[in-house]
């Protein structure tokens, strides 16, 4: 592909209306366009992620967030002449007079939301979250994230994994506040490493590992992972329980549970049982109360903007309202599954108070049988180098 053809591919991908995560969207596009070679795929992927990371600045420069405008602004930022690429054929069509006028116009002063690379409509909520620290936190969320690992103690020790990874040339170090965590440099490609394939470690951000630690899981417990997804936290719980006891992992997505089952076999976690929510077997599995209920609720994913910069630009007020309603409903279900004296851990990978403190406050007001177990947990890239994360421990009286 020529450079201009690659840009046209980026425009096409950016213009696709999809709810898929960006990495899956890219895989689907490349699968349907097999003429794109490895260098083309790499260049297109890097260009798209770079555009999402600088989306606010690029849209501000052209006074438009249309895909063509974003590409034009990106070329201008690189010192390139867009006329040389917008030539038609396999590349983008020639520039319009409106686009040429926008190129010639002097950019206005940048508002805080542009400097911070976040949607303007979210500014009040982000200010609630961070106050005067908002610029610092938003800058940290624009950086590339490190690669955090959780050593699977059912199969390996942290010292052995560290030694092996360093021996293979990976830059990594232990995280002192987590006994099984290792942090590697951003971009470390570890999913093909023999230790990963053998189940000796999982890739899991330190913030998620800290949330699992709040469950205080131990051998012999009965634990519910209510929105388990592909099971990263279920696997961490299984290791903390030394494979003893029972973990019931539920989700509404069958393919995610199939992936969880595959990962559990690889990890040697034989005490995980998966159930599809809404089916009779799941209802039966939830009848007996649990010692611990972990609810890592579906959320905006705003704490993961470093890894998924597209999420901030795809989020809408309507979608956020849907998510908070889902969170309230799941909290009600989690409460019903928690035994007296048991622990409900509500968690999100969100930095937005409307998904975090507000949901817990509403829950406690409606459920006087529950009280807080300790101060709420917050993680953020600026504070700890980890993803943005929230957790609250709620104890049933």
Protein backbone atom coordinates (compact mmCIF):
# COMPACT_ATOMS: atom_id res chain seq x y z
CA UNK A 1 0.00 0.00 0.00
CA UNK A 2 1.17 3.53 -0.72
CA UNK A 3 1.28 6.08 2.11
CA UNK A 4 -1.83 7.72 0.65
CA UNK A 5 -3.66 4.37 0.48
CA UNK A 6 -2.83 3.75 4.13
CA UNK A 7 -4.35 7.12 5.00
CA UNK A 8 -7.52 6.22 3.09
CA UNK A 9 -7.68 2.98 5.09
CA UNK A 10 -7.43 4.99 8.32
CA UNK A 11 -10.23 7.29 7.16
CA UNK A 12 -12.41 4.27 6.38
CA UNK A 13 -11.75 2.64 9.75
CA UNK A 14 -12.34 5.86 11.67
CA UNK A 15 -15.62 6.35 9.81
CA UNK A 16 -16.99 2.92 10.77
CA UNK A 17 -19.82 3.06 13.30
CA UNK A 18 -19.06 0.23 15.70
CA UNK A 19 -19.23 -0.62 19.38
CA UNK A 20 -16.30 -3.02 19.05
CA UNK A 21 -13.10 -2.31 20.99
CA UNK A 22 -10.57 -0.75 18.65
CA UNK A 23 -8.24 -3.73 18.61
CA UNK A 24 -11.07 -6.03 17.50
CA UNK A 25 -12.25 -3.50 14.94
CA UNK A 26 -8.76 -3.39 13.44
CA UNK A 27 -8.49 -7.19 13.35
CA UNK A 28 -11.82 -7.39 11.56
CA UNK A 29 -10.78 -4.76 8.99
CA UNK A 30 -7.46 -6.46 8.29
CA UNK A 31 -9.22 -9.83 7.96
CA UNK A 32 -11.48 -8.33 5.29
CA UNK A 33 -8.60 -6.53 3.54
CA UNK A 34 -5.92 -9.19 3.22
CA UNK A 35 -3.97 -7.15 0.68
CA UNK A 36 -2.66 -5.09 3.60
CA UNK A 37 0.78 -6.49 4.46
CA UNK A 38 2.42 -6.55 7.87
CA UNK A 39 4.05 -3.14 7.39
CA UNK A 40 0.74 -1.70 6.23
CA UNK A 41 -1.07 -3.15 9.26
CA UNK A 42 1.53 -1.75 11.62
CA UNK A 43 1.47 1.71 10.02
CA UNK A 44 -2.35 1.86 9.97
CA UNK A 45 -2.63 0.68 13.57
CA UNK A 46 -0.04 3.14 14.85
CA UNK A 47 -1.69 6.00 12.94
CA UNK A 48 -5.16 5.26 14.33
CA UNK A 49 -4.00 4.96 17.94
CA UNK A 50 -1.99 8.17 17.56
CA UNK A 51 -5.08 9.96 16.25
CA UNK A 52 -7.22 8.83 19.17
CA UNK A 53 -4.52 9.88 21.65
CA UNK A 54 -4.36 13.37 20.13
CA UNK A 55 -8.02 13.52 19.06
CA UNK A 56 -8.91 16.75 20.86
CA UNK A 57 -5.90 18.66 19.52
CA UNK A 58 -6.44 17.40 15.98
CA UNK A 59 -10.17 18.17 15.98
CA UNK A 60 -9.46 21.62 17.45
CA UNK A 61 -6.91 22.37 14.73
CA UNK A 62 -9.41 21.71 11.93
CA UNK A 63 -12.58 22.68 13.86
CA UNK A 64 -13.92 19.24 12.93
CA UNK A 65 -13.68 15.67 14.16
CA UNK A 66 -14.50 14.11 10.78
CA UNK A 67 -12.02 11.36 9.83
CA UNK A 68 -10.56 13.35 6.93
CA UNK A 69 -10.11 16.39 9.16
CA UNK A 70 -8.28 14.36 11.79
CA UNK A 71 -5.91 12.97 9.17
CA UNK A 72 -5.25 16.43 7.74
CA UNK A 73 -4.48 17.81 11.20
CA UNK A 74 -2.18 14.87 11.96
CA UNK A 75 -0.24 15.51 8.73
CA UNK A 76 0.05 19.21 9.55
CA UNK A 77 1.37 18.35 13.03
CA UNK A 78 4.03 16.20 11.37
CA UNK A 79 5.07 19.03 9.03
CA UNK A 80 3.59 17.32 5.97
CA UNK A 81 1.59 18.90 3.15
CA UNK A 82 -1.85 17.25 2.97
CA UNK A 83 -2.10 18.15 -0.73
CA UNK A 84 0.62 15.57 -1.42
CA UNK A 85 -1.54 12.75 -0.04
CA UNK A 86 -5.10 13.82 -0.89
CA UNK A 87 -4.81 13.05 -4.58
CA UNK A 88 -7.59 10.57 -5.28
CA UNK A 89 -7.10 7.10 -6.71
CA UNK A 90 -6.37 4.66 -3.90
CA UNK A 91 -5.70 7.59 -1.59
CA UNK A 92 -8.09 10.18 -0.14
CA UNK A 93 -10.00 12.38 -2.56
CA UNK A 94 -8.61 15.86 -3.22
CA UNK A 95 -9.00 18.48 -0.52
CA UNK A 96 -12.17 20.53 -0.55
CA UNK A 97 -12.17 24.30 -0.39
CA UNK A 98 -13.61 24.08 3.14
CA UNK A 99 -10.67 21.89 4.19
CA UNK A 100 -8.18 24.24 2.57
CA UNK A 101 -9.75 27.16 4.43
CA UNK A 102 -9.47 25.29 7.73
CA UNK A 103 -5.80 24.53 7.01
CA UNK A 104 -5.14 28.20 6.37
CA UNK A 105 -7.01 29.39 9.47
CA UNK A 106 -5.00 30.15 12.59
CA UNK A 107 -6.00 27.84 15.47
CA UNK A 108 -7.67 29.54 18.41
CA UNK A 109 -6.39 29.21 21.96
CA UNK A 110 -6.87 25.73 23.35
CA UNK A 111 -9.39 25.16 26.15
CA UNK A 112 -8.62 22.89 29.09
CA UNK A 113 -10.45 19.93 27.57
CA UNK A 114 -8.19 20.08 24.51
CA UNK A 115 -5.02 20.31 26.57
CA UNK A 116 -6.27 17.42 28.68
CA UNK A 117 -7.53 15.35 25.72
CA UNK A 118 -10.99 14.65 27.11
CA UNK A 119 -14.54 15.36 25.90
CA UNK A 120 -15.76 18.76 27.03
CA UNK A 121 -19.08 17.35 28.26
CA UNK A 122 -17.20 15.19 30.80
CA UNK A 123 -15.30 18.11 32.35
CA UNK A 124 -17.67 18.61 35.34
CA UNK A 125 -17.52 14.91 36.20
CA UNK A 126 -13.74 14.73 35.81
CA UNK A 127 -13.39 17.82 37.98
CA UNK A 128 -15.50 16.10 40.63
CA UNK A 129 -13.06 13.20 40.48
CA UNK A 130 -9.76 15.07 40.59
CA UNK A 131 -10.31 18.75 41.42
CA UNK A 132 -7.13 20.75 40.98
CA UNK A 133 -5.24 17.60 39.99
CA UNK A 134 -7.26 17.20 36.79
CA UNK A 135 -4.51 18.42 34.37
CA UNK A 136 -1.94 16.11 35.98
CA UNK A 137 -4.26 13.12 35.88
CA UNK A 138 -5.31 13.71 32.28
CA UNK A 139 -1.69 14.05 31.18
CA UNK A 140 -0.88 10.71 32.81
CA UNK A 141 -3.84 9.11 31.02
CA UNK A 142 -2.33 10.16 27.69
CA UNK A 143 0.86 8.14 28.20
CA UNK A 144 1.41 4.56 27.11
CA UNK A 145 0.68 2.06 29.86
CA UNK A 146 3.23 -0.42 31.21
CA UNK A 147 2.54 -4.14 31.00
CA UNK A 148 1.69 -5.59 34.41
CA UNK A 149 1.74 -9.31 35.15
CA UNK A 150 0.26 -11.43 37.89
CA UNK A 151 2.34 -14.50 38.64
CA UNK A 152 0.12 -17.55 38.97
CA UNK A 153 1.25 -19.03 42.27
CA UNK A 154 -0.52 -22.29 41.43
CA UNK A 155 2.31 -22.86 38.95
CA UNK A 156 5.25 -20.54 39.60
CA UNK A 157 6.94 -18.08 41.95
CA UNK A 158 7.55 -14.41 41.23
CA UNK A 159 11.32 -14.81 41.61
CA UNK A 160 11.40 -17.59 39.01
CA UNK A 161 9.28 -15.62 36.53
CA UNK A 162 11.37 -12.48 37.05
CA UNK A 163 14.58 -14.38 36.47
CA UNK A 164 13.26 -15.99 33.30
CA UNK A 165 11.89 -12.76 31.81
CA UNK A 166 15.05 -10.81 32.56
CA UNK A 167 17.06 -13.62 31.07
CA UNK A 168 15.06 -13.25 27.88
CA UNK A 169 15.81 -9.52 27.74
CA UNK A 170 12.59 -8.08 29.15
CA UNK A 171 12.83 -4.96 31.30
CA UNK A 172 10.74 -5.74 34.38
CA UNK A 173 10.64 -5.29 38.16
CA UNK A 174 8.47 -6.48 41.08
CA UNK A 175 5.73 -4.24 42.45
CA UNK A 176 6.40 -3.97 46.17
CA UNK A 177 2.79 -3.59 47.35
CA UNK A 178 1.65 -6.76 45.55
CA UNK A 179 3.40 -10.02 46.30
CA UNK A 180 2.67 -11.59 42.90
CA UNK A 181 2.92 -8.58 40.56
CA UNK A 182 5.59 -7.69 38.00
CA UNK A 183 5.71 -4.52 35.92
CA UNK A 184 7.26 -4.61 32.46
CA UNK A 185 8.02 -1.80 30.05
CA UNK A 186 5.24 -0.52 27.78
CA UNK A 187 4.93 -2.56 24.63
CA UNK A 188 6.42 -5.75 26.05
CA UNK A 189 5.09 -8.62 23.92
CA UNK A 190 4.60 -11.50 26.32
CA UNK A 191 1.62 -13.54 25.10
CA UNK A 192 3.94 -15.78 23.03
CA UNK A 193 6.35 -16.37 25.91
CA UNK A 194 6.53 -20.02 27.04
CA UNK A 195 5.77 -19.07 30.64
CA UNK A 196 2.57 -17.33 29.56
CA UNK A 197 1.55 -20.27 27.42
CA UNK A 198 2.16 -22.63 30.35
CA UNK A 199 -0.03 -20.55 32.67
CA UNK A 200 2.79 -19.29 34.90
CA UNK A 201 1.54 -15.71 34.63
CA UNK A 202 -1.38 -13.64 33.38
CA UNK A 203 -1.34 -10.11 32.01
CA UNK A 204 -3.33 -8.04 34.49
CA UNK A 205 -2.99 -4.40 35.48
CA UNK A 206 -1.85 -3.80 39.05
CA UNK A 207 -5.04 -1.89 39.85
CA UNK A 208 -7.13 -4.98 39.11
CA UNK A 209 -4.79 -7.08 41.24
CA UNK A 210 -5.25 -4.65 44.14
CA UNK A 211 -9.02 -4.91 43.78
CA UNK A 212 -8.82 -8.70 44.03
CA UNK A 213 -6.66 -8.35 47.16
CA UNK A 214 -9.53 -6.40 48.77
CA UNK A 215 -11.61 -9.58 48.61
CA UNK A 216 -9.24 -11.19 51.13
CA UNK A 217 -9.89 -14.55 49.51
CA UNK A 218 -8.59 -17.66 51.22
CA UNK A 219 -8.71 -21.45 50.94
CA UNK A 220 -12.13 -23.00 51.45
CA UNK A 221 -14.19 -19.89 50.75
CA UNK A 222 -17.19 -19.69 48.43
CA UNK A 223 -16.84 -16.66 46.17
CA UNK A 224 -19.03 -15.19 43.44
CA UNK A 225 -17.50 -13.27 40.53
CA UNK A 226 -20.75 -11.77 39.28
CA UNK A 227 -19.60 -10.06 36.07
CA UNK A 228 -16.58 -12.24 35.40
CA UNK A 229 -16.00 -11.60 31.71
CA UNK A 230 -13.01 -13.61 30.52
CA UNK A 231 -12.05 -14.27 34.11
CA UNK A 232 -8.88 -12.39 34.98
CA UNK A 233 -10.08 -11.77 38.52
CA UNK A 234 -11.52 -15.27 38.90
CA UNK A 235 -8.09 -16.67 38.09
CA UNK A 236 -6.47 -14.34 40.63
CA UNK A 237 -9.01 -15.42 43.26
CA UNK A 238 -8.31 -19.09 42.50
CA UNK A 239 -4.60 -18.55 43.15
CA UNK A 240 -5.31 -16.68 46.40
CA UNK A 241 -7.49 -19.61 47.47
CA UNK A 242 -4.68 -22.07 46.60
CA UNK A 243 -7.19 -23.88 44.42
CA UNK A 244 -9.35 -24.78 47.42
CA UNK A 245 -12.98 -23.74 47.80
CA UNK A 246 -15.40 -22.68 45.09
CA UNK A 247 -15.55 -19.77 42.67
CA UNK A 248 -18.79 -19.22 40.78
CA UNK A 249 -18.08 -17.05 37.73
CA UNK A 250 -21.09 -15.55 35.94
CA UNK A 251 -21.56 -13.33 32.92
CA UNK A 252 -24.13 -12.59 30.23
CA UNK A 253 -21.57 -13.26 27.47
CA UNK A 254 -21.16 -16.91 26.60
CA UNK A 255 -17.95 -16.48 24.52
CA UNK A 256 -16.27 -14.69 27.44
CA UNK A 257 -17.06 -17.61 29.74
CA UNK A 258 -15.69 -20.06 27.18
CA UNK A 259 -12.45 -18.05 27.19
CA UNK A 260 -12.46 -18.12 31.01
CA UNK A 261 -12.75 -21.90 30.96
CA UNK A 262 -9.82 -22.16 28.55
CA UNK A 263 -7.68 -19.87 30.70
CA UNK A 264 -8.61 -21.76 33.86
CA UNK A 265 -7.35 -25.02 32.36
CA UNK A 266 -4.08 -23.35 31.38
CA UNK A 267 -3.72 -21.84 34.87
CA UNK A 268 -4.53 -25.08 36.69
CA UNK A 269 -7.48 -23.39 38.43
CA UNK A 270 -9.84 -26.29 38.92
CA UNK A 271 -12.17 -24.65 41.45
CA UNK A 272 -13.90 -22.24 39.02
CA UNK A 273 -17.43 -22.99 37.80
CA UNK A 274 -18.90 -20.86 35.00
CA UNK A 275 -22.58 -19.98 34.55
CA UNK A 276 -24.39 -17.93 31.94
CA UNK A 277 -26.55 -15.34 33.71
CA UNK A 278 -30.23 -15.64 32.94
CA UNK A 279 -30.14 -19.40 32.59
CA UNK A 280 -31.71 -21.78 35.16
CA UNK A 281 -28.35 -23.30 36.17
CA UNK A 282 -27.05 -19.85 37.08
CA UNK A 283 -30.12 -19.14 39.19
CA UNK A 284 -29.58 -22.41 41.06
CA UNK A 285 -25.89 -21.63 41.64
CA UNK A 286 -26.75 -18.27 43.20
CA UNK A 287 -29.31 -19.58 45.71
CA UNK A 288 -26.79 -20.31 48.47
CA UNK A 289 -25.16 -17.07 49.74
CA UNK A 290 -21.45 -16.42 49.27
CA UNK A 291 -18.65 -15.44 51.65
CA UNK A 292 -17.45 -12.85 49.12
CA UNK A 293 -19.16 -11.33 46.10
CA UNK A 294 -16.92 -9.50 43.66
CA UNK A 295 -18.78 -7.19 41.29
CA UNK A 296 -16.39 -5.72 38.74
CA UNK A 297 -19.22 -3.90 37.05
CA UNK A 298 -19.53 -2.98 33.36
CA UNK A 299 -18.51 0.66 33.10
CA UNK A 300 -17.23 3.42 30.84
CA UNK A 301 -13.68 2.07 31.00
CA UNK A 302 -12.46 5.62 31.58
CA UNK A 303 -9.66 4.33 33.80
CA UNK A 304 -8.21 2.47 30.82
CA UNK A 305 -7.96 5.46 28.46
CA UNK A 306 -4.19 4.91 28.20
CA UNK A 307 -4.81 1.52 26.62
CA UNK A 308 -8.10 2.26 24.85
CA UNK A 309 -8.05 5.96 23.93
CA UNK A 310 -11.02 5.49 21.62
CA UNK A 311 -13.33 4.90 24.59
CA UNK A 312 -13.34 8.54 25.66
CA UNK A 313 -14.52 9.68 22.25
CA UNK A 314 -17.14 6.95 21.83
CA UNK A 315 -18.76 7.48 25.23
CA UNK A 316 -22.02 9.44 25.26
CA UNK A 317 -24.18 10.79 28.05
CA UNK A 318 -26.88 8.32 27.06
CA UNK A 319 -24.52 5.36 27.26
CA UNK A 320 -23.23 6.54 30.63
CA UNK A 321 -26.80 6.67 31.95
CA UNK A 322 -27.37 3.11 30.70
CA UNK A 323 -24.22 1.94 32.48
CA UNK A 324 -25.16 3.46 35.83
CA UNK A 325 -28.54 1.75 35.63
CA UNK A 326 -26.81 -1.58 34.93
CA UNK A 327 -24.47 -0.98 37.87
CA UNK A 328 -27.40 -0.35 40.23
CA UNK A 329 -29.14 -3.51 39.05
CA UNK A 330 -26.02 -5.64 39.49
CA UNK A 331 -25.39 -4.23 42.96
CA UNK A 332 -28.89 -5.31 43.96
CA UNK A 333 -28.19 -8.82 42.65
CA UNK A 334 -24.80 -8.89 44.38
CA UNK A 335 -26.37 -7.89 47.69
CA UNK A 336 -28.87 -10.75 47.52
CA UNK A 337 -26.00 -13.21 47.01
CA UNK A 338 -23.92 -12.00 49.99
CA UNK A 339 -24.26 -13.96 53.24
CA UNK A 340 -24.65 -12.19 56.62
CA UNK A 341 -21.18 -11.10 57.67
CA UNK A 342 -20.03 -11.50 54.08
CA UNK A 343 -18.16 -9.03 51.91
CA UNK A 344 -19.38 -7.35 48.72
CA UNK A 345 -16.58 -5.72 46.72
CA UNK A 346 -17.89 -3.28 44.13
CA UNK A 347 -15.28 -2.29 41.56
CA UNK A 348 -15.01 -0.45 38.24
CA UNK A 349 -12.18 0.50 35.91
CA UNK A 350 -13.71 3.99 35.88
CA UNK A 351 -12.54 7.34 37.21
CA UNK A 352 -16.02 8.89 37.11
CA UNK A 353 -17.77 9.47 40.47
CA UNK A 354 -21.18 8.85 38.90
CA UNK A 355 -20.14 5.23 38.36
CA UNK A 356 -18.30 4.90 41.65
CA UNK A 357 -19.09 6.86 44.83
CA UNK A 358 -22.56 7.81 43.60
CA UNK A 359 -23.51 4.19 42.97
CA UNK A 360 -22.26 3.07 46.37
CA UNK A 361 -24.03 5.94 48.14
CA UNK A 362 -27.31 5.08 46.40
CA UNK A 363 -26.86 1.41 47.25
CA UNK A 364 -26.17 2.05 50.93
CA UNK A 365 -29.18 4.36 51.18
CA UNK A 366 -31.41 1.59 49.81
CA UNK A 367 -29.72 -1.29 51.68
CA UNK A 368 -29.32 -0.48 55.40
CA UNK A 369 -28.14 -4.07 56.04
CA UNK A 370 -24.81 -3.10 54.47
CA UNK A 371 -22.06 -0.79 55.73
CA UNK A 372 -18.62 0.24 54.53
CA UNK A 373 -15.75 -2.07 55.41
CA UNK A 374 -12.97 0.50 54.91
CA UNK A 375 -12.30 3.71 52.96
CA UNK A 376 -12.87 3.48 49.23
CA UNK A 377 -9.94 2.41 47.05
CA UNK A 378 -8.75 4.62 44.20
CA UNK A 379 -5.97 4.04 41.67
CA UNK A 380 -4.81 6.27 38.85
CA UNK A 381 -1.84 6.55 36.45
CA UNK A 382 -0.64 9.79 38.05
CA UNK A 383 -0.77 8.33 41.58
CA UNK A 384 0.51 4.78 41.08
CA UNK A 385 1.31 4.27 37.40
CA UNK A 386 -1.66 1.87 37.21
CA UNK A 387 -4.97 2.18 35.40
CA UNK A 388 -7.72 4.30 36.91
CA UNK A 389 -9.71 2.04 39.23
CA UNK A 390 -12.24 2.24 42.04
CA UNK A 391 -13.38 -0.25 44.65
CA UNK A 392 -15.60 -0.16 47.73
CA UNK A 393 -15.83 -2.86 50.39
CA UNK A 394 -19.39 -3.33 51.68
CA UNK A 395 -20.06 -5.63 54.64
CA UNK A 396 -23.45 -7.23 55.21
CA UNK A 397 -24.52 -7.01 58.86
